[in-house]
Amino acid sequence: MRYKKLGNTGLSVSEISFGGVEIGMPYGIGVKDESDMLVEEDAIRLLHRAIDEGINLFDTARHYGESERIMGRAFREKRQQVVLASKCRHLRTSDGTIPTGRALYDFIRRSLDESLVALQTDYLDLYMVHYADAGILENEEVAAVFSKLKVLGLVRAIGVSVYKTEETQRAIATGLWDAIQLPFNLMDQRHGQYFDEAYRQGVGVIIRSVLMRGMLTDRMQQSHPALADVEAHINRYRLLVGKEYPGLSKLATQFALAYDAVSSALIGIDKLQYLKDAVVTVEGNCIGEALFATLQGMAYPNQEFLNLAQWDKNGWL
């Protein structure tokens, strides 16, 4: 396992980070309810194995069901071996507004305190806004509260989780956030246009959706007819898989990590085999310049269509 600096945070993180949503709640393709999930003791063993494999960055959130509590049990005797990243409860109320003044501070502080108790620690290495939309990023009070948590020593770094490219651009431009978690992969490279600026500003980048929920792997599956063009495009990448890159997941992960700004690729892991597969993707030489340039030119033509959350709602996944 290789390690990279997370921007200017002073944190060194593994190139593969453990996505904790799957161990905390039913999530992902083929997971309908708790009967499809790992039992708690097996989840703890998986987290320990991840440490043994060199992973030190573990991502979770208040909204990930039992994920924080399970990580708390797993890491209570191993706190110095892990970099814990979690996210605040969604800031917008049911009517879409953002609390103000003391109400905002109390809400964020209460959410953080819940996370600290669940994770059995007295500080977080990285604390993020869970989906920082444009309105949240323009809200100076939100940034002030998160910055205060750093001053109090409750968190070492603060960040935002975003979806849209304009949110990435805005988060970097504020100069207030230490790290950004964003979607990026072979197919959807839109956020990559801001990587150089993030690197210059010392903003750490953690990417998610690097494997598009398993679509950019060798686990072949029957796609919904609405995704026929997507599947055909993915098969173009398969033609580049060979001796040096024996699997599509390795090609996809190495491509994303070839950007200097990208510190870690977040992989959802709920099976030992998925953990082993994730570790293999970063073994060996880094991707070459020629192949990197080729892949940059192979993004999906209609990247706006690549909305996995919407596909899920449509019943396409």
C-alpha atoms as a PDB file:
ATOM      1  CA  MET A   1       0.000   0.000   0.000  1.00  0.00           C
ATOM      2  CA  ARG A   2       1.227   3.452  -0.892  1.00  0.00           C
ATOM      3  CA  TYR A   3       0.389   6.581   1.078  1.00  0.00           C
ATOM      4  CA  LYS A   4      -0.141  10.176  -0.025  1.00  0.00           C
ATOM      5  CA  LYS A   5      -0.491  13.503   1.740  1.00  0.00           C
ATOM      6  CA  LEU A   6      -4.080  14.699   2.135  1.00  0.00           C
ATOM      7  CA  GLY A   7      -3.499  18.220   0.874  1.00  0.00           C
ATOM      8  CA  ASN A   8      -2.037  20.467   3.573  1.00  0.00           C
ATOM      9  CA  THR A   9      -3.789  18.685   6.450  1.00  0.00           C
ATOM     10  CA  GLY A  10      -0.645  16.951   7.696  1.00  0.00           C
ATOM     11  CA  LEU A  11      -2.427  13.608   7.331  1.00  0.00           C
ATOM     12  CA  SER A  12      -0.907  10.750   5.354  1.00  0.00           C
ATOM     13  CA  VAL A  13      -3.578   8.443   3.938  1.00  0.00           C
ATOM     14  CA  SER A  14      -3.621   5.121   2.113  1.00  0.00           C
ATOM     15  CA  GLU A  15      -4.346   5.255  -1.602  1.00  0.00           C
ATOM     16  CA  ILE A  16      -7.307   2.993  -0.952  1.00  0.00           C
ATOM     17  CA  SER A  17      -9.780   4.149   1.685  1.00  0.00           C
ATOM     18  CA  PHE A  18     -12.459   1.976   3.235  1.00  0.00           C
ATOM     19  CA  GLY A  19     -16.003   3.124   2.474  1.00  0.00           C
ATOM     20  CA  GLY A  20     -18.098   2.335   5.530  1.00  0.00           C
ATOM     21  CA  VAL A  21     -21.667   2.699   4.308  1.00  0.00           C
ATOM     22  CA  GLU A  22     -22.074  -0.973   3.332  1.00  0.00           C
ATOM     23  CA  ILE A  23     -21.221  -2.289   6.786  1.00  0.00           C
ATOM     24  CA  GLY A  24     -23.718   0.067   8.427  1.00  0.00           C
ATOM     25  CA  MET A  25     -26.888  -0.132   6.360  1.00  0.00           C
ATOM     26  CA  PRO A  26     -28.394  -1.913   3.341  1.00  0.00           C
ATOM     27  CA  TYR A  27     -26.759  -0.218   0.376  1.00  0.00           C
ATOM     28  CA  GLY A  28     -25.604  -1.045  -3.105  1.00  0.00           C
ATOM     29  CA  ILE A  29     -26.488  -3.379  -5.915  1.00  0.00           C
ATOM     30  CA  GLY A  30     -28.190  -6.561  -4.733  1.00  0.00           C
ATOM     31  CA  VAL A  31     -28.463  -5.471  -1.093  1.00  0.00           C
ATOM     32  CA  LYS A  32     -32.151  -5.269  -0.160  1.00  0.00           C
ATOM     33  CA  ASP A  33     -32.148  -5.559   3.632  1.00  0.00           C
ATOM     34  CA  GLU A  34     -30.019  -6.491   6.653  1.00  0.00           C
ATOM     35  CA  SER A  35     -30.086 -10.179   5.703  1.00  0.00           C
ATOM     36  CA  ASP A  36     -27.805  -9.291   2.769  1.00  0.00           C
ATOM     37  CA  MET A  37     -25.264  -7.551   5.031  1.00  0.00           C
ATOM     38  CA  LEU A  38     -22.325  -8.781   7.082  1.00  0.00           C
ATOM     39  CA  VAL A  39     -23.119  -9.614  10.680  1.00  0.00           C
ATOM     40  CA  GLU A  40     -21.406  -7.234  13.082  1.00  0.00           C
ATOM     41  CA  GLU A  41     -18.570  -9.494  14.222  1.00  0.00           C
ATOM     42  CA  ASP A  42     -17.649 -10.272  10.612  1.00  0.00           C
ATOM     43  CA  ALA A  43     -17.688  -6.559   9.805  1.00  0.00           C
ATOM     44  CA  ILE A  44     -15.259  -5.930  12.665  1.00  0.00           C
ATOM     45  CA  ARG A  45     -12.965  -8.683  11.411  1.00  0.00           C
ATOM     46  CA  LEU A  46     -13.090  -7.130   7.949  1.00  0.00           C
ATOM     47  CA  LEU A  47     -12.104  -3.721   9.347  1.00  0.00           C
ATOM     48  CA  HIS A  48      -9.175  -5.285  11.215  1.00  0.00           C
ATOM     49  CA  ARG A  49      -8.081  -7.080   8.054  1.00  0.00           C
ATOM     50  CA  ALA A  50      -8.192  -3.768   6.189  1.00  0.00           C
ATOM     51  CA  ILE A  51      -5.671  -2.347   8.663  1.00  0.00           C
ATOM     52  CA  ASP A  52      -3.491  -5.422   8.168  1.00  0.00           C
ATOM     53  CA  GLU A  53      -3.616  -4.795   4.408  1.00  0.00           C
ATOM     54  CA  GLY A  54      -2.300  -1.252   4.910  1.00  0.00           C
ATOM     55  CA  ILE A  55      -5.525   0.754   4.700  1.00  0.00           C
ATOM     56  CA  ASN A  56      -5.581   3.571   7.251  1.00  0.00           C
ATOM     57  CA  LEU A  57      -8.346   5.904   5.992  1.00  0.00           C
ATOM     58  CA  PHE A  58     -11.868   4.866   6.990  1.00  0.00           C
ATOM     59  CA  ASP A  59     -14.871   6.873   5.817  1.00  0.00           C
ATOM     60  CA  THR A  60     -18.239   6.897   7.548  1.00  0.00           C
ATOM     61  CA  ALA A  61     -21.106   9.270   8.414  1.00  0.00           C
ATOM     62  CA  ARG A  62     -23.943   9.891  10.849  1.00  0.00           C
ATOM     63  CA  HIS A  63     -26.346   8.815   8.104  1.00  0.00           C
ATOM     64  CA  TYR A  64     -24.647   5.439   7.517  1.00  0.00           C
ATOM     65  CA  GLY A  65     -26.762   3.446   9.943  1.00  0.00           C
ATOM     66  CA  GLU A  66     -24.595   1.446  12.358  1.00  0.00           C
ATOM     67  CA  SER A  67     -21.335   2.165  10.540  1.00  0.00           C
ATOM     68  CA  GLU A  68     -19.859   4.574  13.099  1.00  0.00           C
ATOM     69  CA  ARG A  69     -20.755   2.351  16.033  1.00  0.00           C
ATOM     70  CA  ILE A  70     -19.221  -0.727  14.396  1.00  0.00           C
ATOM     71  CA  MET A  71     -16.052   1.182  13.559  1.00  0.00           C
ATOM     72  CA  GLY A  72     -15.946   2.414  17.137  1.00  0.00           C
ATOM     73  CA  ARG A  73     -15.923  -1.147  18.397  1.00  0.00           C
ATOM     74  CA  ALA A  74     -13.324  -2.192  15.834  1.00  0.00           C
ATOM     75  CA  PHE A  75     -10.911   0.673  16.431  1.00  0.00           C
ATOM     76  CA  ARG A  76     -11.183   1.454  20.152  1.00  0.00           C
ATOM     77  CA  GLU A  77      -7.833  -0.272  20.762  1.00  0.00           C
ATOM     78  CA  LYS A  78      -6.360   0.767  17.400  1.00  0.00           C
ATOM     79  CA  ARG A  79      -7.159   4.489  17.253  1.00  0.00           C
ATOM     80  CA  GLN A  80      -3.603   5.579  16.437  1.00  0.00           C
ATOM     81  CA  GLN A  81      -3.514   3.219  13.457  1.00  0.00           C
ATOM     82  CA  VAL A  82      -6.432   4.791  11.633  1.00  0.00           C
ATOM     83  CA  VAL A  83      -7.476   8.082  10.051  1.00  0.00           C
ATOM     84  CA  LEU A  84     -11.174   8.509  10.795  1.00  0.00           C
ATOM     85  CA  ALA A  85     -13.344  10.585   8.479  1.00  0.00           C
ATOM     86  CA  SER A  86     -17.021  11.181   9.173  1.00  0.00           C
ATOM     87  CA  LYS A  87     -19.783  13.500   8.043  1.00  0.00           C
ATOM     88  CA  CYS A  88     -22.322  15.679   9.818  1.00  0.00           C
ATOM     89  CA  ARG A  89     -26.041  15.055   9.593  1.00  0.00           C
ATOM     90  CA  HIS A  90     -27.616  16.800   6.605  1.00  0.00           C
ATOM     91  CA  LEU A  91     -27.735  20.510   7.367  1.00  0.00           C
ATOM     92  CA  ARG A  92     -30.934  21.367   5.551  1.00  0.00           C
ATOM     93  CA  THR A  93     -34.199  21.011   7.449  1.00  0.00           C
ATOM     94  CA  SER A  94     -37.295  19.324   6.008  1.00  0.00           C
ATOM     95  CA  ASP A  95     -38.363  22.586   4.377  1.00  0.00           C
ATOM     96  CA  GLY A  96     -34.956  23.041   2.754  1.00  0.00           C
ATOM     97  CA  THR A  97     -33.655  25.820   4.966  1.00  0.00           C
ATOM     98  CA  ILE A  98     -30.325  25.924   6.808  1.00  0.00           C
ATOM     99  CA  PRO A  99     -30.401  26.696  10.558  1.00  0.00           C
ATOM    100  CA  THR A 100     -28.746  29.921  11.643  1.00  0.00           C
ATOM    101  CA  GLY A 101     -26.907  31.274  14.661  1.00  0.00           C
ATOM    102  CA  ARG A 102     -26.927  29.199  17.826  1.00  0.00           C
ATOM    103  CA  ALA A 103     -29.304  26.655  16.299  1.00  0.00           C
ATOM    104  CA  LEU A 104     -26.782  25.884  13.549  1.00  0.00           C
ATOM    105  CA  TYR A 105     -23.887  25.542  15.983  1.00  0.00           C
ATOM    106  CA  ASP A 106     -25.900  23.293  18.296  1.00  0.00           C
ATOM    107  CA  PHE A 107     -27.018  21.088  15.415  1.00  0.00           C
ATOM    108  CA  ILE A 108     -23.503  20.558  14.064  1.00  0.00           C
ATOM    109  CA  ARG A 109     -21.981  20.153  17.517  1.00  0.00           C
ATOM    110  CA  ARG A 110     -24.640  17.612  18.527  1.00  0.00           C
ATOM    111  CA  SER A 111     -24.038  15.620  15.356  1.00  0.00           C
ATOM    112  CA  LEU A 112     -20.289  15.633  15.989  1.00  0.00           C
ATOM    113  CA  ASP A 113     -20.723  14.586  19.614  1.00  0.00           C
ATOM    114  CA  GLU A 114     -22.896  11.669  18.478  1.00  0.00           C
ATOM    115  CA  SER A 115     -20.168  10.613  16.058  1.00  0.00           C
ATOM    116  CA  LEU A 116     -17.455  10.844  18.709  1.00  0.00           C
ATOM    117  CA  VAL A 117     -19.455   8.691  21.121  1.00  0.00           C
ATOM    118  CA  ALA A 118     -20.260   6.112  18.449  1.00  0.00           C
ATOM    119  CA  LEU A 119     -16.653   5.999  17.216  1.00  0.00           C
ATOM    120  CA  GLN A 120     -15.308   5.850  20.797  1.00  0.00           C
ATOM    121  CA  THR A 121     -12.822   8.660  20.235  1.00  0.00           C
ATOM    122  CA  ASP A 122     -12.357  12.246  21.379  1.00  0.00           C
ATOM    123  CA  TYR A 123     -11.462  13.675  17.971  1.00  0.00           C
ATOM    124  CA  LEU A 124     -11.955  13.080  14.251  1.00  0.00           C
ATOM    125  CA  ASP A 125      -9.160  13.350  11.721  1.00  0.00           C
ATOM    126  CA  LEU A 126     -11.515  14.690   9.042  1.00  0.00           C
ATOM    127  CA  TYR A 127     -15.036  16.038   9.546  1.00  0.00           C
ATOM    128  CA  MET A 128     -17.127  16.832   6.491  1.00  0.00           C
ATOM    129  CA  VAL A 129     -20.372  18.468   5.472  1.00  0.00           C
ATOM    130  CA  HIS A 130     -22.546  15.690   4.057  1.00  0.00           C
ATOM    131  CA  TYR A 131     -23.474  16.999   0.606  1.00  0.00           C
ATOM    132  CA  ALA A 132     -22.384  20.602   0.514  1.00  0.00           C
ATOM    133  CA  ASP A 133     -24.592  22.165  -2.134  1.00  0.00           C
ATOM    134  CA  ALA A 134     -24.074  25.689  -3.492  1.00  0.00           C
ATOM    135  CA  GLY A 135     -26.166  27.306  -0.765  1.00  0.00           C
ATOM    136  CA  ILE A 136     -24.220  25.591   1.994  1.00  0.00           C
ATOM    137  CA  LEU A 137     -20.891  26.486   0.403  1.00  0.00           C
ATOM    138  CA  GLU A 138     -21.945  30.127   0.258  1.00  0.00           C
ATOM    139  CA  ASN A 139     -23.054  30.093   3.898  1.00  0.00           C
ATOM    140  CA  GLU A 140     -20.314  31.721   5.960  1.00  0.00           C
ATOM    141  CA  GLU A 141     -21.860  30.538   9.232  1.00  0.00           C
ATOM    142  CA  VAL A 142     -21.429  26.877   8.254  1.00  0.00           C
ATOM    143  CA  ALA A 143     -17.749  27.375   7.491  1.00  0.00           C
ATOM    144  CA  ALA A 144     -17.288  29.328  10.731  1.00  0.00           C
ATOM    145  CA  VAL A 145     -18.783  26.543  12.858  1.00  0.00           C
ATOM    146  CA  PHE A 146     -16.639  23.848  11.222  1.00  0.00           C
ATOM    147  CA  SER A 147     -13.549  26.041  11.597  1.00  0.00           C
ATOM    148  CA  LYS A 148     -14.326  26.493  15.289  1.00  0.00           C
ATOM    149  CA  LEU A 149     -14.367  22.726  15.742  1.00  0.00           C
ATOM    150  CA  LYS A 150     -10.759  22.714  14.535  1.00  0.00           C
ATOM    151  CA  VAL A 151      -9.817  25.426  16.993  1.00  0.00           C
ATOM    152  CA  LEU A 152     -11.398  23.402  19.802  1.00  0.00           C
ATOM    153  CA  GLY A 153      -9.293  20.377  18.821  1.00  0.00           C
ATOM    154  CA  LEU A 154     -12.327  18.211  18.161  1.00  0.00           C
ATOM    155  CA  VAL A 155     -11.347  17.679  14.515  1.00  0.00           C
ATOM    156  CA  ARG A 156      -7.993  17.888  12.782  1.00  0.00           C
ATOM    157  CA  ALA A 157      -9.286  18.874   9.347  1.00  0.00           C
ATOM    158  CA  ILE A 158     -12.589  19.930   7.807  1.00  0.00           C
ATOM    159  CA  GLY A 159     -14.024  19.133   4.410  1.00  0.00           C
ATOM    160  CA  VAL A 160     -17.058  18.821   2.189  1.00  0.00           C
ATOM    161  CA  SER A 161     -18.698  16.037   0.238  1.00  0.00           C
ATOM    162  CA  VAL A 162     -20.024  17.261  -3.117  1.00  0.00           C
ATOM    163  CA  TYR A 163     -21.730  16.002  -6.280  1.00  0.00           C
ATOM    164  CA  LYS A 164     -21.655  18.799  -8.848  1.00  0.00           C
ATOM    165  CA  THR A 165     -18.586  20.318 -10.505  1.00  0.00           C
ATOM    166  CA  GLU A 166     -19.639  23.836  -9.572  1.00  0.00           C
ATOM    167  CA  GLU A 167     -19.622  22.740  -5.925  1.00  0.00           C
ATOM    168  CA  THR A 168     -16.043  21.501  -6.245  1.00  0.00           C
ATOM    169  CA  GLN A 169     -15.054  24.785  -7.866  1.00  0.00           C
ATOM    170  CA  ARG A 170     -16.731  26.810  -5.117  1.00  0.00           C
ATOM    171  CA  ALA A 171     -15.293  24.721  -2.276  1.00  0.00           C
ATOM    172  CA  ILE A 172     -11.756  25.252  -3.550  1.00  0.00           C
ATOM    173  CA  ALA A 173     -12.314  28.946  -4.191  1.00  0.00           C
ATOM    174  CA  THR A 174     -13.418  29.650  -0.610  1.00  0.00           C
ATOM    175  CA  GLY A 175     -10.010  28.678   0.742  1.00  0.00           C
ATOM    176  CA  LEU A 176     -11.762  27.415   3.888  1.00  0.00           C
ATOM    177  CA  TRP A 177     -11.986  23.658   3.370  1.00  0.00           C
ATOM    178  CA  ASP A 178      -9.068  21.270   3.840  1.00  0.00           C
ATOM    179  CA  ALA A 179     -10.440  18.390   1.772  1.00  0.00           C
ATOM    180  CA  ILE A 180     -13.125  17.506  -0.754  1.00  0.00           C
ATOM    181  CA  GLN A 181     -14.812  14.165  -1.370  1.00  0.00           C
ATOM    182  CA  LEU A 182     -16.208  13.957  -4.905  1.00  0.00           C
ATOM    183  CA  PRO A 183     -17.240  11.506  -7.644  1.00  0.00           C
ATOM    184  CA  PHE A 184     -14.693  10.695 -10.345  1.00  0.00           C
ATOM    185  CA  ASN A 185     -13.975   7.722 -12.589  1.00  0.00           C
ATOM    186  CA  LEU A 186     -12.979   6.659 -16.100  1.00  0.00           C
ATOM    187  CA  MET A 187     -16.455   7.368 -17.422  1.00  0.00           C
ATOM    188  CA  ASP A 188     -17.203  10.604 -15.560  1.00  0.00           C
ATOM    189  CA  GLN A 189     -14.139  12.845 -15.448  1.00  0.00           C
ATOM    190  CA  ARG A 190     -15.886  16.211 -15.047  1.00  0.00           C
ATOM    191  CA  HIS A 191     -14.457  17.069 -11.609  1.00  0.00           C
ATOM    192  CA  GLY A 192     -10.948  16.477 -12.928  1.00  0.00           C
ATOM    193  CA  GLN A 193     -10.880  19.965 -14.426  1.00  0.00           C
ATOM    194  CA  TYR A 194     -10.378  21.331 -10.894  1.00  0.00           C
ATOM    195  CA  PHE A 195      -7.728  18.910  -9.681  1.00  0.00           C
ATOM    196  CA  ASP A 196      -4.789  21.143 -10.558  1.00  0.00           C
ATOM    197  CA  GLU A 197      -6.298  24.064  -8.657  1.00  0.00           C
ATOM    198  CA  ALA A 198      -7.019  21.857  -5.646  1.00  0.00           C
ATOM    199  CA  TYR A 199      -3.387  20.723  -5.703  1.00  0.00           C
ATOM    200  CA  ARG A 200      -2.095  24.299  -5.896  1.00  0.00           C
ATOM    201  CA  GLN A 201      -4.336  25.350  -3.015  1.00  0.00           C
ATOM    202  CA  GLY A 202      -3.339  22.369  -0.857  1.00  0.00           C
ATOM    203  CA  VAL A 203      -6.876  20.969  -0.785  1.00  0.00           C
ATOM    204  CA  GLY A 204      -6.914  17.195  -0.373  1.00  0.00           C
ATOM    205  CA  VAL A 205      -9.080  15.200  -2.797  1.00  0.00           C
ATOM    206  CA  ILE A 206     -10.754  11.916  -1.925  1.00  0.00           C
ATOM    207  CA  ILE A 207     -12.652  10.353  -4.795  1.00  0.00           C
ATOM    208  CA  ARG A 208     -15.668   8.070  -4.655  1.00  0.00           C
ATOM    209  CA  SER A 209     -17.510   6.127  -7.386  1.00  0.00           C
ATOM    210  CA  VAL A 210     -14.151   5.141  -8.873  1.00  0.00           C
ATOM    211  CA  LEU A 211     -15.650   1.760  -9.843  1.00  0.00           C
ATOM    212  CA  MET A 212     -19.197   3.025 -10.515  1.00  0.00           C
ATOM    213  CA  ARG A 213     -20.740   0.623  -7.980  1.00  0.00           C
ATOM    214  CA  GLY A 214     -18.977  -2.320  -9.569  1.00  0.00           C
ATOM    215  CA  MET A 215     -19.657  -1.464 -13.223  1.00  0.00           C
ATOM    216  CA  LEU A 216     -15.956  -0.736 -13.794  1.00  0.00           C
ATOM    217  CA  THR A 217     -14.852  -4.157 -12.590  1.00  0.00           C
ATOM    218  CA  ASP A 218     -14.598  -7.637 -14.041  1.00  0.00           C
ATOM    219  CA  ARG A 219     -17.747  -8.751 -12.248  1.00  0.00           C
ATOM    220  CA  MET A 220     -19.871  -8.984 -15.362  1.00  0.00           C
ATOM    221  CA  GLN A 221     -23.551  -8.288 -14.896  1.00  0.00           C
ATOM    222  CA  GLN A 222     -26.570  -7.874 -17.118  1.00  0.00           C
ATOM    223  CA  SER A 223     -27.256  -4.195 -17.573  1.00  0.00           C
ATOM    224  CA  HIS A 224     -30.690  -2.636 -17.902  1.00  0.00           C
ATOM    225  CA  PRO A 225     -31.569  -1.892 -21.551  1.00  0.00           C
ATOM    226  CA  ALA A 226     -31.501   1.847 -20.742  1.00  0.00           C
ATOM    227  CA  LEU A 227     -27.779   1.481 -20.001  1.00  0.00           C
ATOM    228  CA  ALA A 228     -26.847  -0.326 -23.217  1.00  0.00           C
ATOM    229  CA  ASP A 229     -24.699   2.573 -24.470  1.00  0.00           C
ATOM    230  CA  VAL A 230     -22.996   2.809 -21.088  1.00  0.00           C
ATOM    231  CA  GLU A 231     -22.150  -0.892 -21.158  1.00  0.00           C
ATOM    232  CA  ALA A 232     -20.834  -0.624 -24.711  1.00  0.00           C
ATOM    233  CA  HIS A 233     -18.563   2.249 -23.670  1.00  0.00           C
ATOM    234  CA  ILE A 234     -17.256   0.320 -20.675  1.00  0.00           C
ATOM    235  CA  ASN A 235     -16.361  -2.539 -23.001  1.00  0.00           C
ATOM    236  CA  ARG A 236     -14.019  -0.144 -24.817  1.00  0.00           C
ATOM    237  CA  TYR A 237     -11.939   0.058 -21.634  1.00  0.00           C
ATOM    238  CA  ARG A 238     -11.841  -3.731 -21.444  1.00  0.00           C
ATOM    239  CA  LEU A 239      -9.880  -3.743 -24.697  1.00  0.00           C
ATOM    240  CA  LEU A 240      -7.045  -1.931 -22.866  1.00  0.00           C
ATOM    241  CA  VAL A 241      -6.841  -4.533 -20.123  1.00  0.00           C
ATOM    242  CA  GLY A 242      -3.774  -6.736 -20.531  1.00  0.00           C
ATOM    243  CA  LYS A 243      -0.712  -8.095 -18.782  1.00  0.00           C
ATOM    244  CA  GLU A 244       0.179  -4.897 -16.908  1.00  0.00           C
ATOM    245  CA  TYR A 245      -3.439  -4.135 -16.032  1.00  0.00           C
ATOM    246  CA  PRO A 246      -5.024  -7.586 -15.717  1.00  0.00           C
ATOM    247  CA  GLY A 247      -8.406  -6.243 -14.625  1.00  0.00           C
ATOM    248  CA  LEU A 248     -10.661  -3.298 -15.340  1.00  0.00           C
ATOM    249  CA  SER A 249     -10.846  -2.308 -11.663  1.00  0.00           C
ATOM    250  CA  LYS A 250      -7.049  -1.991 -11.532  1.00  0.00           C
ATOM    251  CA  LEU A 251      -7.047   0.144 -14.668  1.00  0.00           C
ATOM    252  CA  ALA A 252      -9.829   2.364 -13.294  1.00  0.00           C
ATOM    253  CA  THR A 253      -8.229   2.831  -9.878  1.00  0.00           C
ATOM    254  CA  GLN A 254      -4.716   3.458 -11.175  1.00  0.00           C
ATOM    255  CA  PHE A 255      -6.073   6.054 -13.600  1.00  0.00           C
ATOM    256  CA  ALA A 256      -7.793   8.012 -10.840  1.00  0.00           C
ATOM    257  CA  LEU A 257      -4.787   7.870  -8.537  1.00  0.00           C
ATOM    258  CA  ALA A 258      -2.452   9.081 -11.284  1.00  0.00           C
ATOM    259  CA  TYR A 259      -3.602  12.632 -10.571  1.00  0.00           C
ATOM    260  CA  ASP A 260      -1.268  14.336  -8.081  1.00  0.00           C
ATOM    261  CA  ALA A 261      -4.227  16.008  -6.392  1.00  0.00           C
ATOM    262  CA  VAL A 262      -5.998  12.718  -5.642  1.00  0.00           C
ATOM    263  CA  SER A 263      -4.948  11.377  -2.267  1.00  0.00           C
ATOM    264  CA  SER A 264      -7.193   8.334  -1.968  1.00  0.00           C
ATOM    265  CA  ALA A 265      -9.839   6.324  -3.799  1.00  0.00           C
ATOM    266  CA  LEU A 266     -12.824   5.438  -1.634  1.00  0.00           C
ATOM    267  CA  ILE A 267     -13.992   1.871  -2.190  1.00  0.00           C
ATOM    268  CA  GLY A 268     -17.161   0.448  -0.681  1.00  0.00           C
ATOM    269  CA  ILE A 269     -16.163  -2.817   0.975  1.00  0.00           C
ATOM    270  CA  ASP A 270     -18.434  -5.382   2.587  1.00  0.00           C
ATOM    271  CA  LYS A 271     -16.718  -8.641   1.607  1.00  0.00           C
ATOM    272  CA  LEU A 272     -13.208  -9.970   2.169  1.00  0.00           C
ATOM    273  CA  GLN A 273     -12.837 -10.600  -1.552  1.00  0.00           C
ATOM    274  CA  TYR A 274     -13.716  -6.979  -2.311  1.00  0.00           C
ATOM    275  CA  LEU A 275     -11.031  -5.904   0.142  1.00  0.00           C
ATOM    276  CA  LYS A 276      -8.455  -8.149  -1.526  1.00  0.00           C
ATOM    277  CA  ASP A 277      -9.504  -6.886  -4.943  1.00  0.00           C
ATOM    278  CA  ALA A 278      -9.188  -3.259  -3.814  1.00  0.00           C
ATOM    279  CA  VAL A 279      -5.682  -3.780  -2.431  1.00  0.00           C
ATOM    280  CA  VAL A 280      -4.544  -5.467  -5.648  1.00  0.00           C
ATOM    281  CA  THR A 281      -5.604  -2.421  -7.687  1.00  0.00           C
ATOM    282  CA  VAL A 282      -2.809  -0.285  -6.240  1.00  0.00           C
ATOM    283  CA  GLU A 283      -0.054  -2.883  -6.371  1.00  0.00           C
ATOM    284  CA  GLY A 284       2.700  -2.624  -8.962  1.00  0.00           C
ATOM    285  CA  ASN A 285       3.780   0.259 -11.154  1.00  0.00           C
ATOM    286  CA  CYS A 286       1.746   3.423 -11.566  1.00  0.00           C
ATOM    287  CA  ILE A 287      -0.024   4.022 -14.857  1.00  0.00           C
ATOM    288  CA  GLY A 288       2.142   5.263 -17.736  1.00  0.00           C
ATOM    289  CA  GLU A 289       1.813   8.680 -19.349  1.00  0.00           C
ATOM    290  CA  ALA A 290       0.685   7.385 -22.747  1.00  0.00           C
ATOM    291  CA  LEU A 291      -2.083   5.203 -21.335  1.00  0.00           C
ATOM    292  CA  PHE A 292      -3.091   7.974 -18.939  1.00  0.00           C
ATOM    293  CA  ALA A 293      -3.523  10.399 -21.842  1.00  0.00           C
ATOM    294  CA  THR A 294      -5.505   7.803 -23.797  1.00  0.00           C
ATOM    295  CA  LEU A 295      -7.887   7.260 -20.904  1.00  0.00           C
ATOM    296  CA  GLN A 296      -8.369  10.993 -20.434  1.00  0.00           C
ATOM    297  CA  GLY A 297      -9.715  11.081 -23.960  1.00  0.00           C
ATOM    298  CA  MET A 298     -12.101   8.191 -23.402  1.00  0.00           C
ATOM    299  CA  ALA A 299     -14.605   9.729 -20.981  1.00  0.00           C
ATOM    300  CA  TYR A 300     -18.249   8.938 -21.689  1.00  0.00           C
ATOM    301  CA  PRO A 301     -19.612  11.478 -24.217  1.00  0.00           C
ATOM    302  CA  ASN A 302     -22.740  12.332 -22.203  1.00  0.00           C
ATOM    303  CA  GLN A 303     -21.350  12.528 -18.690  1.00  0.00           C
ATOM    304  CA  GLU A 304     -24.442  14.326 -17.389  1.00  0.00           C
ATOM    305  CA  PHE A 305     -26.303  11.046 -17.916  1.00  0.00           C
ATOM    306  CA  LEU A 306     -24.040   9.226 -15.454  1.00  0.00           C
ATOM    307  CA  ASN A 307     -26.219   9.751 -12.377  1.00  0.00           C
ATOM    308  CA  LEU A 308     -26.105   6.517 -10.392  1.00  0.00           C
ATOM    309  CA  ALA A 309     -28.515   7.767  -7.753  1.00  0.00           C
ATOM    310  CA  GLN A 310     -31.092   8.494 -10.434  1.00  0.00           C
ATOM    311  CA  TRP A 311     -30.458   5.134 -12.096  1.00  0.00           C
ATOM    312  CA  ASP A 312     -31.157   3.506  -8.760  1.00  0.00           C
ATOM    313  CA  LYS A 313     -34.458   5.390  -8.445  1.00  0.00           C
ATOM    314  CA  ASN A 314     -35.331   4.341 -11.998  1.00  0.00           C
ATOM    315  CA  GLY A 315     -34.733   0.699 -11.129  1.00  0.00           C
ATOM    316  CA  TRP A 316     -31.858   0.385 -13.585  1.00  0.00           C
ATOM    317  CA  LEU A 317     -29.305  -0.934 -11.063  1.00  0.00           C
END
